[in-house]
PDB file of N, CA and C in Angstrom:
ATOM      1  N   MET A   1     -82.041  45.247  -0.571  1.00  0.00           N
ATOM      2  CA  MET A   1     -80.320  44.714  -0.594  1.00  0.00           C
ATOM      3  C   MET A   1     -79.797  44.843   0.510  1.00  0.00           C
ATOM      4  N   LYS A   2     -79.025  43.857   0.724  1.00  0.00           N
ATOM      5  CA  LYS A   2     -78.108  43.595   2.151  1.00  0.00           C
ATOM      6  C   LYS A   2     -76.773  43.374   1.302  1.00  0.00           C
ATOM      7  N   LYS A   3     -75.915  43.975   1.793  1.00  0.00           N
ATOM      8  CA  LYS A   3     -74.339  43.626   1.124  1.00  0.00           C
ATOM      9  C   LYS A   3     -73.232  43.442   2.356  1.00  0.00           C
ATOM     10  N   GLU A   4     -72.539  42.761   2.461  1.00  0.00           N
ATOM     11  CA  GLU A   4     -71.616  42.492   3.556  1.00  0.00           C
ATOM     12  C   GLU A   4     -70.054  43.489   3.410  1.00  0.00           C
ATOM     13  N   ILE A   5     -70.083  43.930   4.055  1.00  0.00           N
ATOM     14  CA  ILE A   5     -68.498  45.089   4.071  1.00  0.00           C
ATOM     15  C   ILE A   5     -67.558  44.134   4.473  1.00  0.00           C
ATOM     16  N   ASP A   6     -66.450  43.839   3.726  1.00  0.00           N
ATOM     17  CA  ASP A   6     -65.796  43.362   3.943  1.00  0.00           C
ATOM     18  C   ASP A   6     -64.314  43.918   5.202  1.00  0.00           C
ATOM     19  N   ASN A   7     -63.104  43.273   5.333  1.00  0.00           N
ATOM     20  CA  ASN A   7     -62.528  43.823   6.559  1.00  0.00           C
ATOM     21  C   ASN A   7     -61.642  45.141   6.183  1.00  0.00           C
ATOM     22  N   LEU A   8     -61.731  45.546   4.860  1.00  0.00           N
ATOM     23  CA  LEU A   8     -61.025  46.856   4.101  1.00  0.00           C
ATOM     24  C   LEU A   8     -61.916  47.621   3.884  1.00  0.00           C
ATOM     25  N   GLY A   9     -63.360  47.312   4.154  1.00  0.00           N
ATOM     26  CA  GLY A   9     -64.290  48.509   3.876  1.00  0.00           C
ATOM     27  C   GLY A   9     -65.154  48.308   2.732  1.00  0.00           C
ATOM     28  N   ARG A  10     -64.727  47.157   1.893  1.00  0.00           N
ATOM     29  CA  ARG A  10     -65.447  47.027   0.474  1.00  0.00           C
ATOM     30  C   ARG A  10     -66.719  46.665   0.388  1.00  0.00           C
ATOM     31  N   ILE A  11     -67.395  46.574  -0.788  1.00  0.00           N
ATOM     32  CA  ILE A  11     -68.732  45.819  -1.047  1.00  0.00           C
ATOM     33  C   ILE A  11     -68.644  45.680  -2.250  1.00  0.00           C
ATOM     34  N   VAL A  12     -69.394  44.719  -2.868  1.00  0.00           N
ATOM     35  CA  VAL A  12     -69.476  44.470  -4.475  1.00  0.00           C
ATOM     36  C   VAL A  12     -70.758  44.491  -4.799  1.00  0.00           C
ATOM     37  N   ILE A  13     -70.839  45.565  -5.689  1.00  0.00           N
ATOM     38  CA  ILE A  13     -71.887  46.162  -6.122  1.00  0.00           C
ATOM     39  C   ILE A  13     -72.272  45.030  -7.178  1.00  0.00           C
ATOM     40  N   PRO A  14     -73.745  44.841  -7.408  1.00  0.00           N
ATOM     41  CA  PRO A  14     -74.262  43.446  -8.120  1.00  0.00           C
ATOM     42  C   PRO A  14     -73.884  43.674  -9.509  1.00  0.00           C
ATOM     43  N   LYS A  15     -73.665  42.694 -10.303  1.00  0.00           N
ATOM     44  CA  LYS A  15     -73.619  42.597 -11.734  1.00  0.00           C
ATOM     45  C   LYS A  15     -74.385  43.130 -12.003  1.00  0.00           C
ATOM     46  N   PHE A  16     -75.687  42.768 -12.148  1.00  0.00           N
ATOM     47  CA  PHE A  16     -76.875  43.775 -12.546  1.00  0.00           C
ATOM     48  C   PHE A  16     -76.897  45.398 -13.082  1.00  0.00           C
ATOM     49  N   ILE A  17     -76.401  45.749 -11.553  1.00  0.00           N
ATOM     50  CA  ILE A  17     -76.296  47.318 -11.411  1.00  0.00           C
ATOM     51  C   ILE A  17     -75.191  47.639 -11.934  1.00  0.00           C
ATOM     52  N   ARG A  18     -74.228  47.150 -12.228  1.00  0.00           N
ATOM     53  CA  ARG A  18     -72.917  47.700 -12.547  1.00  0.00           C
ATOM     54  C   ARG A  18     -73.269  47.476 -14.013  1.00  0.00           C
ATOM     55  N   GLU A  19     -73.800  46.594 -14.576  1.00  0.00           N
ATOM     56  CA  GLU A  19     -74.210  46.209 -16.106  1.00  0.00           C
ATOM     57  C   GLU A  19     -75.244  48.047 -16.865  1.00  0.00           C
ATOM     58  N   ASP A  20     -75.999  47.919 -15.715  1.00  0.00           N
ATOM     59  CA  ASP A  20     -76.864  48.669 -15.999  1.00  0.00           C
ATOM     60  C   ASP A  20     -76.566  50.256 -15.794  1.00  0.00           C
ATOM     61  N   MET A  21     -75.408  50.149 -15.213  1.00  0.00           N
ATOM     62  CA  MET A  21     -74.943  51.750 -15.022  1.00  0.00           C
ATOM     63  C   MET A  21     -73.725  51.926 -15.866  1.00  0.00           C
ATOM     64  N   GLN A  22     -73.581  50.924 -16.702  1.00  0.00           N
ATOM     65  CA  GLN A  22     -72.402  50.644 -17.727  1.00  0.00           C
ATOM     66  C   GLN A  22     -71.289  51.150 -17.039  1.00  0.00           C
ATOM     67  N   LEU A  23     -70.946  50.797 -15.660  1.00  0.00           N
ATOM     68  CA  LEU A  23     -69.830  50.652 -15.015  1.00  0.00           C
ATOM     69  C   LEU A  23     -68.219  50.192 -15.759  1.00  0.00           C
ATOM     70  N   SER A  24     -68.715  49.179 -16.586  1.00  0.00           N
ATOM     71  CA  SER A  24     -67.367  48.498 -16.922  1.00  0.00           C
ATOM     72  C   SER A  24     -66.420  49.300 -18.035  1.00  0.00           C
ATOM     73  N   LYS A  25     -67.516  50.383 -18.521  1.00  0.00           N
ATOM     74  CA  LYS A  25     -66.800  51.261 -19.526  1.00  0.00           C
ATOM     75  C   LYS A  25     -66.644  52.248 -19.073  1.00  0.00           C
ATOM     76  N   ASP A  26     -66.756  52.372 -17.829  1.00  0.00           N
ATOM     77  CA  ASP A  26     -66.719  53.672 -17.062  1.00  0.00           C
ATOM     78  C   ASP A  26     -66.435  53.609 -15.272  1.00  0.00           C
ATOM     79  N   PRO A  27     -65.046  53.080 -14.942  1.00  0.00           N
ATOM     80  CA  PRO A  27     -65.191  52.696 -13.239  1.00  0.00           C
ATOM     81  C   PRO A  27     -65.011  53.626 -12.697  1.00  0.00           C
ATOM     82  N   PHE A  28     -65.374  54.874 -12.937  1.00  0.00           N
ATOM     83  CA  PHE A  28     -65.482  55.803 -11.607  1.00  0.00           C
ATOM     84  C   PHE A  28     -66.911  56.371 -11.189  1.00  0.00           C
ATOM     85  N   LEU A  29     -66.830  56.233  -9.584  1.00  0.00           N
ATOM     86  CA  LEU A  29     -68.030  56.551  -8.969  1.00  0.00           C
ATOM     87  C   LEU A  29     -67.775  57.806  -8.308  1.00  0.00           C
ATOM     88  N   SER A  30     -68.683  58.321  -7.814  1.00  0.00           N
ATOM     89  CA  SER A  30     -69.132  59.612  -6.803  1.00  0.00           C
ATOM     90  C   SER A  30     -69.519  59.341  -5.571  1.00  0.00           C
ATOM     91  N   ILE A  31     -68.765  59.655  -4.783  1.00  0.00           N
ATOM     92  CA  ILE A  31     -69.563  59.165  -3.321  1.00  0.00           C
ATOM     93  C   ILE A  31     -69.947  60.144  -2.743  1.00  0.00           C
ATOM     94  N   GLU A  32     -71.025  60.158  -2.148  1.00  0.00           N
ATOM     95  CA  GLU A  32     -71.587  61.243  -1.083  1.00  0.00           C
ATOM     96  C   GLU A  32     -71.911  60.766  -0.068  1.00  0.00           C
ATOM     97  N   TYR A  33     -71.992  61.614   1.241  1.00  0.00           N
ATOM     98  CA  TYR A  33     -72.240  61.027   2.227  1.00  0.00           C
ATOM     99  C   TYR A  33     -73.010  62.153   2.623  1.00  0.00           C
ATOM    100  N   ASP A  34     -74.562  61.913   3.168  1.00  0.00           N
ATOM    101  CA  ASP A  34     -75.302  62.764   4.219  1.00  0.00           C
ATOM    102  C   ASP A  34     -75.140  62.550   5.476  1.00  0.00           C
ATOM    103  N   SER A  35     -74.473  63.123   6.255  1.00  0.00           N
ATOM    104  CA  SER A  35     -74.356  62.985   7.588  1.00  0.00           C
ATOM    105  C   SER A  35     -75.599  62.939   8.483  1.00  0.00           C
ATOM    106  N   ASP A  36     -76.845  63.915   7.969  1.00  0.00           N
ATOM    107  CA  ASP A  36     -77.810  64.197   8.618  1.00  0.00           C
ATOM    108  C   ASP A  36     -78.794  62.654   8.801  1.00  0.00           C
ATOM    109  N   GLN A  37     -78.662  62.151   7.328  1.00  0.00           N
ATOM    110  CA  GLN A  37     -79.356  61.025   7.215  1.00  0.00           C
ATOM    111  C   GLN A  37     -78.598  59.832   7.371  1.00  0.00           C
ATOM    112  N   LYS A  38     -77.365  60.096   7.721  1.00  0.00           N
ATOM    113  CA  LYS A  38     -76.557  58.768   7.408  1.00  0.00           C
ATOM    114  C   LYS A  38     -76.526  57.698   6.623  1.00  0.00           C
ATOM    115  N   GLN A  39     -76.251  58.370   5.348  1.00  0.00           N
ATOM    116  CA  GLN A  39     -76.672  57.824   3.883  1.00  0.00           C
ATOM    117  C   GLN A  39     -75.061  57.752   3.097  1.00  0.00           C
ATOM    118  N   ILE A  40     -75.123  57.041   2.508  1.00  0.00           N
ATOM    119  CA  ILE A  40     -73.970  57.265   1.457  1.00  0.00           C
ATOM    120  C   ILE A  40     -74.685  56.913  -0.096  1.00  0.00           C
ATOM    121  N   VAL A  41     -74.523  57.637  -0.599  1.00  0.00           N
ATOM    122  CA  VAL A  41     -74.599  57.616  -1.954  1.00  0.00           C
ATOM    123  C   VAL A  41     -73.695  57.514  -3.071  1.00  0.00           C
ATOM    124  N   LEU A  42     -74.108  56.373  -3.921  1.00  0.00           N
ATOM    125  CA  LEU A  42     -72.888  56.123  -4.888  1.00  0.00           C
ATOM    126  C   LEU A  42     -73.735  56.664  -6.368  1.00  0.00           C
ATOM    127  N   LYS A  43     -72.948  57.654  -7.283  1.00  0.00           N
ATOM    128  CA  LYS A  43     -73.662  57.993  -8.464  1.00  0.00           C
ATOM    129  C   LYS A  43     -72.257  57.510  -9.427  1.00  0.00           C
ATOM    130  N   LYS A  44     -72.472  57.473 -10.590  1.00  0.00           N
ATOM    131  CA  LYS A  44     -72.047  57.689 -11.630  1.00  0.00           C
ATOM    132  C   LYS A  44     -71.177  59.042 -11.687  1.00  0.00           C
ATOM    133  N   ALA A  45     -70.131  59.089 -11.815  1.00  0.00           N
ATOM    134  CA  ALA A  45     -68.926  60.064 -11.918  1.00  0.00           C
ATOM    135  C   ALA A  45     -69.425  60.710 -12.976  1.00  0.00           C
ATOM    136  N   VAL A  46     -69.207  62.241 -12.815  1.00  0.00           N
ATOM    137  CA  VAL A  46     -69.309  63.071 -14.174  1.00  0.00           C
ATOM    138  C   VAL A  46     -67.833  63.535 -14.115  1.00  0.00           C
ATOM    139  N   HIS A  47     -67.411  63.270 -15.148  1.00  0.00           N
ATOM    140  CA  HIS A  47     -65.963  63.879 -15.816  1.00  0.00           C
ATOM    141  C   HIS A  47     -66.150  65.387 -15.851  1.00  0.00           C
ATOM    142  N   THR A  48     -64.874  65.949 -15.216  1.00  0.00           N
ATOM    143  CA  THR A  48     -64.923  67.550 -15.597  1.00  0.00           C
ATOM    144  C   THR A  48     -62.966  67.658 -15.660  1.00  0.00           C
ATOM    145  N   CYS A  49     -62.619  68.813 -16.338  1.00  0.00           N
ATOM    146  CA  CYS A  49     -61.620  68.731 -16.738  1.00  0.00           C
ATOM    147  C   CYS A  49     -60.844  69.397 -15.088  1.00  0.00           C
ATOM    148  N   ALA A  50     -59.724  68.834 -15.052  1.00  0.00           N
ATOM    149  CA  ALA A  50     -59.034  69.067 -13.806  1.00  0.00           C
ATOM    150  C   ALA A  50     -58.490  70.319 -13.338  1.00  0.00           C
ATOM    151  N   VAL A  51     -58.519  71.074 -14.696  1.00  0.00           N
ATOM    152  CA  VAL A  51     -57.917  72.730 -14.461  1.00  0.00           C
ATOM    153  C   VAL A  51     -59.271  73.598 -14.812  1.00  0.00           C
ATOM    154  N   CYS A  52     -60.266  73.587 -15.650  1.00  0.00           N
ATOM    155  CA  CYS A  52     -61.068  74.890 -15.762  1.00  0.00           C
ATOM    156  C   CYS A  52     -62.585  74.046 -15.662  1.00  0.00           C
ATOM    157  N   GLY A  53     -62.564  72.811 -15.277  1.00  0.00           N
ATOM    158  CA  GLY A  53     -64.332  72.437 -14.815  1.00  0.00           C
ATOM    159  C   GLY A  53     -64.948  71.949 -15.736  1.00  0.00           C
ATOM    160  N   THR A  54     -65.069  72.460 -17.029  1.00  0.00           N
ATOM    161  CA  THR A  54     -65.692  72.102 -18.341  1.00  0.00           C
ATOM    162  C   THR A  54     -65.947  70.245 -18.546  1.00  0.00           C
ATOM    163  N   ARG A  55     -66.771  70.166 -18.873  1.00  0.00           N
ATOM    164  CA  ARG A  55     -67.454  68.410 -19.372  1.00  0.00           C
ATOM    165  C   ARG A  55     -67.036  68.510 -20.964  1.00  0.00           C
ATOM    166  N   ASP A  56     -66.493  69.568 -21.800  1.00  0.00           N
ATOM    167  CA  ASP A  56     -66.554  69.282 -23.023  1.00  0.00           C
ATOM    168  C   ASP A  56     -65.195  68.965 -23.499  1.00  0.00           C
ATOM    169  N   GLY A  57     -65.019  67.959 -24.535  1.00  0.00           N
ATOM    170  CA  GLY A  57     -63.856  67.637 -25.370  1.00  0.00           C
ATOM    171  C   GLY A  57     -62.837  67.037 -24.198  1.00  0.00           C
ATOM    172  N   LEU A  58     -63.021  66.016 -23.186  1.00  0.00           N
ATOM    173  CA  LEU A  58     -62.335  65.623 -22.695  1.00  0.00           C
ATOM    174  C   LEU A  58     -61.278  64.634 -23.145  1.00  0.00           C
ATOM    175  N   LEU A  59     -60.240  64.803 -22.786  1.00  0.00           N
ATOM    176  CA  LEU A  59     -59.283  63.594 -22.744  1.00  0.00           C
ATOM    177  C   LEU A  59     -58.581  63.053 -21.301  1.00  0.00           C
ATOM    178  N   GLN A  60     -58.322  61.577 -21.693  1.00  0.00           N
ATOM    179  CA  GLN A  60     -57.965  61.127 -20.181  1.00  0.00           C
ATOM    180  C   GLN A  60     -56.491  60.849 -20.262  1.00  0.00           C
ATOM    181  N   CYS A  61     -55.951  61.260 -18.899  1.00  0.00           N
ATOM    182  CA  CYS A  61     -54.551  61.385 -18.924  1.00  0.00           C
ATOM    183  C   CYS A  61     -54.476  60.309 -17.642  1.00  0.00           C
ATOM    184  N   GLU A  62     -54.070  59.365 -17.795  1.00  0.00           N
ATOM    185  CA  GLU A  62     -53.896  58.282 -16.331  1.00  0.00           C
ATOM    186  C   GLU A  62     -55.573  58.610 -15.589  1.00  0.00           C
ATOM    187  N   ASN A  63     -55.395  58.924 -14.157  1.00  0.00           N
ATOM    188  CA  ASN A  63     -56.690  59.047 -13.836  1.00  0.00           C
ATOM    189  C   ASN A  63     -57.286  60.464 -13.854  1.00  0.00           C
ATOM    190  N   LEU A  64     -56.539  61.425 -14.607  1.00  0.00           N
ATOM    191  CA  LEU A  64     -57.245  62.905 -14.570  1.00  0.00           C
ATOM    192  C   LEU A  64     -57.531  63.359 -15.789  1.00  0.00           C
ATOM    193  N   TYR A  65     -58.377  64.181 -16.035  1.00  0.00           N
ATOM    194  CA  TYR A  65     -59.404  64.505 -17.252  1.00  0.00           C
ATOM    195  C   TYR A  65     -58.518  65.964 -17.322  1.00  0.00           C
ATOM    196  N   LEU A  66     -58.413  66.167 -18.697  1.00  0.00           N
ATOM    197  CA  LEU A  66     -58.555  67.449 -19.180  1.00  0.00           C
ATOM    198  C   LEU A  66     -59.016  68.171 -20.614  1.00  0.00           C
ATOM    199  N   CYS A  67     -59.457  68.946 -20.674  1.00  0.00           N
ATOM    200  CA  CYS A  67     -60.302  69.309 -22.001  1.00  0.00           C
ATOM    201  C   CYS A  67     -59.163  70.086 -23.032  1.00  0.00           C
ATOM    202  N   LYS A  68     -59.223  69.682 -24.007  1.00  0.00           N
ATOM    203  CA  LYS A  68     -58.380  70.171 -25.220  1.00  0.00           C
ATOM    204  C   LYS A  68     -57.439  71.423 -24.858  1.00  0.00           C
ATOM    205  N   LYS A  69     -58.445  72.246 -24.825  1.00  0.00           N
ATOM    206  CA  LYS A  69     -57.743  73.867 -24.491  1.00  0.00           C
ATOM    207  C   LYS A  69     -57.378  73.952 -23.312  1.00  0.00           C
ATOM    208  N   CYS A  70     -57.236  73.175 -22.342  1.00  0.00           N
ATOM    209  CA  CYS A  70     -56.143  73.269 -21.588  1.00  0.00           C
ATOM    210  C   CYS A  70     -55.178  72.217 -21.439  1.00  0.00           C
ATOM    211  N   LEU A  71     -55.012  71.395 -22.434  1.00  0.00           N
ATOM    212  CA  LEU A  71     -54.368  70.663 -22.776  1.00  0.00           C
ATOM    213  C   LEU A  71     -52.889  71.392 -23.952  1.00  0.00           C
ATOM    214  N   GLN A  72     -53.554  72.004 -24.434  1.00  0.00           N
ATOM    215  CA  GLN A  72     -53.232  72.562 -25.365  1.00  0.00           C
ATOM    216  C   GLN A  72     -52.202  73.933 -24.929  1.00  0.00           C
ATOM    217  N   SER A  73     -53.083  74.263 -23.833  1.00  0.00           N
ATOM    218  CA  SER A  73     -52.186  75.743 -22.844  1.00  0.00           C
ATOM    219  C   SER A  73     -50.719  74.572 -22.056  1.00  0.00           C
ATOM    220  N   PHE A  74     -50.829  73.830 -21.975  1.00  0.00           N
ATOM    221  CA  PHE A  74     -49.727  73.392 -21.313  1.00  0.00           C
ATOM    222  C   PHE A  74     -48.619  72.776 -22.468  1.00  0.00           C
ATOM    223  N   ASP A  75     -49.010  72.401 -23.679  1.00  0.00           N
ATOM    224  CA  ASP A  75     -48.047  72.207 -24.835  1.00  0.00           C
ATOM    225  C   ASP A  75     -47.299  73.844 -25.198  1.00  0.00           C
ATOM    226  N   LYS A  76     -47.994  74.906 -24.879  1.00  0.00           N
ATOM    227  CA  LYS A  76     -47.646  75.831 -25.493  1.00  0.00           C
ATOM    228  C   LYS A  76     -46.505  76.704 -24.159  1.00  0.00           C
ATOM    229  N   ALA A  77     -46.621  76.266 -22.906  1.00  0.00           N
ATOM    230  CA  ALA A  77     -45.853  76.593 -21.730  1.00  0.00           C
ATOM    231  C   ALA A  77     -44.537  75.973 -21.548  1.00  0.00           C
TER     232      ALA A  77
END
């Protein structure tokens, strides 16, 4: 499948792919670039705590994710 890149460098991900990846519920993608192969790989983002890196018990604060433990440590400070 070919997609055109607009003048701002954007592409449209086809609806059937967005639905299959459930991107409407979680709109973040991880972008990886393989310079050897000249490939861009898009993956559904795996959210982690911005402080400790855990994937457990995350709460979203704007575009940032924090686990409950780290969030509680901020409350104590």
